[in-house]
Amino acid sequence: MKGWILERIKRVIEELRPDLEELADGYVELVDADPSSGEVTLRLIGGRLC
């Protein structure tokens, strides 16, 4: 994955992180991102989505 795409994805996740962590009651981290499909995989640690 191109570095600038990964950095952009990381910035967006950082903006969303507080809301994601509050919703999930846990910690969210980036696992993978596929720019060709637009799919982003996140890992949820210590929480759950209901």
PDB file of N, CA and C in Angstrom:
ATOM      1  N   MET A   1       0.853  -1.173   0.000  1.00  0.00           N
ATOM      2  CA  MET A   1       0.000   0.000   0.000  1.00  0.00           C
ATOM      3  C   MET A   1       0.897   1.233   0.000  1.00  0.00           C
ATOM      4  N   LYS A   2       0.519   2.201  -0.775  1.00  0.00           N
ATOM      5  CA  LYS A   2       1.303   3.422  -0.839  1.00  0.00           C
ATOM      6  C   LYS A   2       1.274   4.130   0.509  1.00  0.00           C
ATOM      7  N   GLY A   3       2.398   4.687   0.885  1.00  0.00           N
ATOM      8  CA  GLY A   3       2.537   5.329   2.185  1.00  0.00           C
ATOM      9  C   GLY A   3       1.553   6.450   2.440  1.00  0.00           C
ATOM     10  N   TRP A   4       1.291   7.281   1.431  1.00  0.00           N
ATOM     11  CA  TRP A   4       0.383   8.417   1.646  1.00  0.00           C
ATOM     12  C   TRP A   4      -1.048   7.957   1.873  1.00  0.00           C
ATOM     13  N   ILE A   5      -1.450   6.839   1.246  1.00  0.00           N
ATOM     14  CA  ILE A   5      -2.799   6.309   1.457  1.00  0.00           C
ATOM     15  C   ILE A   5      -2.926   5.801   2.888  1.00  0.00           C
ATOM     16  N   LEU A   6      -1.928   5.053   3.327  1.00  0.00           N
ATOM     17  CA  LEU A   6      -1.939   4.520   4.688  1.00  0.00           C
ATOM     18  C   LEU A   6      -1.972   5.659   5.707  1.00  0.00           C
ATOM     19  N   GLU A   7      -1.204   6.698   5.497  1.00  0.00           N
ATOM     20  CA  GLU A   7      -1.190   7.840   6.417  1.00  0.00           C
ATOM     21  C   GLU A   7      -2.543   8.544   6.449  1.00  0.00           C
ATOM     22  N   ARG A   8      -3.173   8.672   5.306  1.00  0.00           N
ATOM     23  CA  ARG A   8      -4.494   9.301   5.263  1.00  0.00           C
ATOM     24  C   ARG A   8      -5.520   8.472   6.030  1.00  0.00           C
ATOM     25  N   ILE A   9      -5.477   7.158   5.848  1.00  0.00           N
ATOM     26  CA  ILE A   9      -6.384   6.261   6.569  1.00  0.00           C
ATOM     27  C   ILE A   9      -6.145   6.371   8.068  1.00  0.00           C
ATOM     28  N   LYS A  10      -4.883   6.393   8.473  1.00  0.00           N
ATOM     29  CA  LYS A  10      -4.557   6.514   9.898  1.00  0.00           C
ATOM     30  C   LYS A  10      -5.088   7.820  10.482  1.00  0.00           C
ATOM     31  N   ARG A  11      -4.983   8.915   9.728  1.00  0.00           N
ATOM     32  CA  ARG A  11      -5.499  10.206  10.214  1.00  0.00           C
ATOM     33  C   ARG A  11      -7.009  10.164  10.404  1.00  0.00           C
ATOM     34  N   VAL A  12      -7.709   9.559   9.470  1.00  0.00           N
ATOM     35  CA  VAL A  12      -9.169   9.462   9.587  1.00  0.00           C
ATOM     36  C   VAL A  12      -9.547   8.593  10.780  1.00  0.00           C
ATOM     37  N   ILE A  13      -8.846   7.480  10.977  1.00  0.00           N
ATOM     38  CA  ILE A  13      -9.138   6.614  12.124  1.00  0.00           C
ATOM     39  C   ILE A  13      -8.877   7.365  13.424  1.00  0.00           C
ATOM     40  N   GLU A  14      -7.818   8.157  13.482  1.00  0.00           N
ATOM     41  CA  GLU A  14      -7.538   8.937  14.686  1.00  0.00           C
ATOM     42  C   GLU A  14      -8.668   9.922  14.977  1.00  0.00           C
ATOM     43  N   GLU A  15      -9.256  10.491  13.926  1.00  0.00           N
ATOM     44  CA  GLU A  15     -10.388  11.395  14.119  1.00  0.00           C
ATOM     45  C   GLU A  15     -11.612  10.642  14.636  1.00  0.00           C
ATOM     46  N   LEU A  16     -11.801   9.422  14.158  1.00  0.00           N
ATOM     47  CA  LEU A  16     -12.962   8.619  14.543  1.00  0.00           C
ATOM     48  C   LEU A  16     -12.751   7.827  15.832  1.00  0.00           C
ATOM     49  N   ARG A  17     -11.491   7.649  16.227  1.00  0.00           N
ATOM     50  CA  ARG A  17     -11.154   6.780  17.360  1.00  0.00           C
ATOM     51  C   ARG A  17     -11.971   7.054  18.622  1.00  0.00           C
ATOM     52  N   PRO A  18     -12.114   8.289  19.093  1.00  0.00           N
ATOM     53  CA  PRO A  18     -12.883   8.504  20.330  1.00  0.00           C
ATOM     54  C   PRO A  18     -14.323   7.980  20.235  1.00  0.00           C
ATOM     55  N   ASP A  19     -14.973   8.226  19.101  1.00  0.00           N
ATOM     56  CA  ASP A  19     -16.345   7.752  18.930  1.00  0.00           C
ATOM     57  C   ASP A  19     -16.401   6.231  18.809  1.00  0.00           C
ATOM     58  N   LEU A  20     -15.460   5.651  18.071  1.00  0.00           N
ATOM     59  CA  LEU A  20     -15.425   4.191  17.925  1.00  0.00           C
ATOM     60  C   LEU A  20     -15.182   3.519  19.277  1.00  0.00           C
ATOM     61  N   GLU A  21     -14.256   4.061  20.051  1.00  0.00           N
ATOM     62  CA  GLU A  21     -13.930   3.456  21.339  1.00  0.00           C
ATOM     63  C   GLU A  21     -15.077   3.622  22.333  1.00  0.00           C
ATOM     64  N   GLU A  22     -15.764   4.742  22.274  1.00  0.00           N
ATOM     65  CA  GLU A  22     -16.919   4.921  23.155  1.00  0.00           C
ATOM     66  C   GLU A  22     -18.032   3.948  22.764  1.00  0.00           C
ATOM     67  N   LEU A  23     -18.280   3.822  21.477  1.00  0.00           N
ATOM     68  CA  LEU A  23     -19.309   2.914  20.990  1.00  0.00           C
ATOM     69  C   LEU A  23     -18.964   1.463  21.324  1.00  0.00           C
ATOM     70  N   ALA A  24     -17.711   1.103  21.159  1.00  0.00           N
ATOM     71  CA  ALA A  24     -17.292  -0.281  21.337  1.00  0.00           C
ATOM     72  C   ALA A  24     -16.864  -0.593  22.763  1.00  0.00           C
ATOM     73  N   ASP A  25     -16.663   0.425  23.588  1.00  0.00           N
ATOM     74  CA  ASP A  25     -16.167   0.234  24.954  1.00  0.00           C
ATOM     75  C   ASP A  25     -14.867  -0.562  24.944  1.00  0.00           C
ATOM     76  N   GLY A  26     -13.957  -0.161  24.071  1.00  0.00           N
ATOM     77  CA  GLY A  26     -12.677  -0.850  23.940  1.00  0.00           C
ATOM     78  C   GLY A  26     -11.706  -0.001  23.146  1.00  0.00           C
ATOM     79  N   TYR A  27     -10.676  -0.631  22.636  1.00  0.00           N
ATOM     80  CA  TYR A  27      -9.627   0.028  21.874  1.00  0.00           C
ATOM     81  C   TYR A  27      -9.705  -0.424  20.425  1.00  0.00           C
ATOM     82  N   VAL A  28      -9.520   0.507  19.486  1.00  0.00           N
ATOM     83  CA  VAL A  28      -9.598   0.215  18.065  1.00  0.00           C
ATOM     84  C   VAL A  28      -8.234   0.444  17.433  1.00  0.00           C
ATOM     85  N   GLU A  29      -7.792  -0.521  16.587  1.00  0.00           N
ATOM     86  CA  GLU A  29      -6.538  -0.332  15.864  1.00  0.00           C
ATOM     87  C   GLU A  29      -6.709  -0.766  14.411  1.00  0.00           C
ATOM     88  N   LEU A  30      -5.928  -0.168  13.546  1.00  0.00           N
ATOM     89  CA  LEU A  30      -5.936  -0.494  12.126  1.00  0.00           C
ATOM     90  C   LEU A  30      -5.197  -1.808  11.907  1.00  0.00           C
ATOM     91  N   VAL A  31      -5.842  -2.734  11.203  1.00  0.00           N
ATOM     92  CA  VAL A  31      -5.222  -4.016  10.866  1.00  0.00           C
ATOM     93  C   VAL A  31      -4.735  -3.988   9.425  1.00  0.00           C
ATOM     94  N   ASP A  32      -5.611  -3.578   8.511  1.00  0.00           N
ATOM     95  CA  ASP A  32      -5.269  -3.610   7.092  1.00  0.00           C
ATOM     96  C   ASP A  32      -6.176  -2.650   6.343  1.00  0.00           C
ATOM     97  N   ALA A  33      -5.737  -2.247   5.175  1.00  0.00           N
ATOM     98  CA  ALA A  33      -6.548  -1.408   4.305  1.00  0.00           C
ATOM     99  C   ALA A  33      -6.224  -1.757   2.861  1.00  0.00           C
ATOM    100  N   ASP A  34      -7.264  -1.908   2.050  1.00  0.00           N
ATOM    101  CA  ASP A  34      -7.112  -2.223   0.632  1.00  0.00           C
ATOM    102  C   ASP A  34      -7.662  -1.049  -0.170  1.00  0.00           C
ATOM    103  N   PRO A  35      -6.788  -0.195  -0.690  1.00  0.00           N
ATOM    104  CA  PRO A  35      -7.259   0.985  -1.405  1.00  0.00           C
ATOM    105  C   PRO A  35      -8.023   0.649  -2.687  1.00  0.00           C
ATOM    106  N   SER A  36      -7.762  -0.509  -3.290  1.00  0.00           N
ATOM    107  CA  SER A  36      -8.461  -0.845  -4.530  1.00  0.00           C
ATOM    108  C   SER A  36      -9.934  -1.158  -4.276  1.00  0.00           C
ATOM    109  N   SER A  37     -10.245  -1.777  -3.146  1.00  0.00           N
ATOM    110  CA  SER A  37     -11.635  -2.108  -2.826  1.00  0.00           C
ATOM    111  C   SER A  37     -12.251  -1.099  -1.864  1.00  0.00           C
ATOM    112  N   GLY A  38     -11.405  -0.315  -1.178  1.00  0.00           N
ATOM    113  CA  GLY A  38     -11.898   0.624  -0.178  1.00  0.00           C
ATOM    114  C   GLY A  38     -12.168  -0.030   1.167  1.00  0.00           C
ATOM    115  N   GLU A  39     -11.790  -1.290   1.311  1.00  0.00           N
ATOM    116  CA  GLU A  39     -12.039  -2.025   2.556  1.00  0.00           C
ATOM    117  C   GLU A  39     -10.965  -1.725   3.588  1.00  0.00           C
ATOM    118  N   VAL A  40     -11.408  -1.404   4.796  1.00  0.00           N
ATOM    119  CA  VAL A  40     -10.511  -1.157   5.919  1.00  0.00           C
ATOM    120  C   VAL A  40     -10.885  -2.134   7.021  1.00  0.00           C
ATOM    121  N   THR A  41      -9.892  -2.846   7.556  1.00  0.00           N
ATOM    122  CA  THR A  41     -10.122  -3.808   8.640  1.00  0.00           C
ATOM    123  C   THR A  41      -9.580  -3.239   9.927  1.00  0.00           C
ATOM    124  N   LEU A  42     -10.443  -3.198  10.956  1.00  0.00           N
ATOM    125  CA  LEU A  42     -10.067  -2.706  12.261  1.00  0.00           C
ATOM    126  C   LEU A  42     -10.120  -3.848  13.266  1.00  0.00           C
ATOM    127  N   ARG A  43      -9.302  -3.758  14.303  1.00  0.00           N
ATOM    128  CA  ARG A  43      -9.324  -4.738  15.386  1.00  0.00           C
ATOM    129  C   ARG A  43      -9.882  -4.038  16.617  1.00  0.00           C
ATOM    130  N   LEU A  44     -10.827  -4.688  17.272  1.00  0.00           N
ATOM    131  CA  LEU A  44     -11.440  -4.183  18.487  1.00  0.00           C
ATOM    132  C   LEU A  44     -10.871  -4.977  19.654  1.00  0.00           C
ATOM    133  N   ILE A  45     -10.269  -4.284  20.621  1.00  0.00           N
ATOM    134  CA  ILE A  45      -9.619  -4.948  21.745  1.00  0.00           C
ATOM    135  C   ILE A  45     -10.308  -4.530  23.035  1.00  0.00           C
ATOM    136  N   GLY A  46     -10.711  -5.518  23.817  1.00  0.00           N
ATOM    137  CA  GLY A  46     -11.247  -5.262  25.143  1.00  0.00           C
ATOM    138  C   GLY A  46     -12.640  -4.688  25.170  1.00  0.00           C
ATOM    139  N   GLY A  47     -13.387  -4.834  24.130  1.00  0.00           N
ATOM    140  CA  GLY A  47     -14.734  -4.301  24.102  1.00  0.00           C
ATOM    141  C   GLY A  47     -15.611  -5.130  23.182  1.00  0.00           C
ATOM    142  N   ARG A  48     -16.760  -4.590  22.893  1.00  0.00           N
ATOM    143  CA  ARG A  48     -17.647  -5.281  21.968  1.00  0.00           C
ATOM    144  C   ARG A  48     -18.646  -4.287  21.392  1.00  0.00           C
ATOM    145  N   LEU A  49     -19.077  -4.573  20.203  1.00  0.00           N
ATOM    146  CA  LEU A  49     -20.127  -3.774  19.574  1.00  0.00           C
ATOM    147  C   LEU A  49     -21.439  -4.504  19.769  1.00  0.00           C
ATOM    148  N   CYS A  50     -22.452  -3.790  20.180  1.00  0.00           N
ATOM    149  CA  CYS A  50     -23.765  -4.413  20.386  1.00  0.00           C
ATOM    150  C   CYS A  50     -24.750  -3.922  19.367  1.00  0.00           C
TER     151      CYS A  50
END
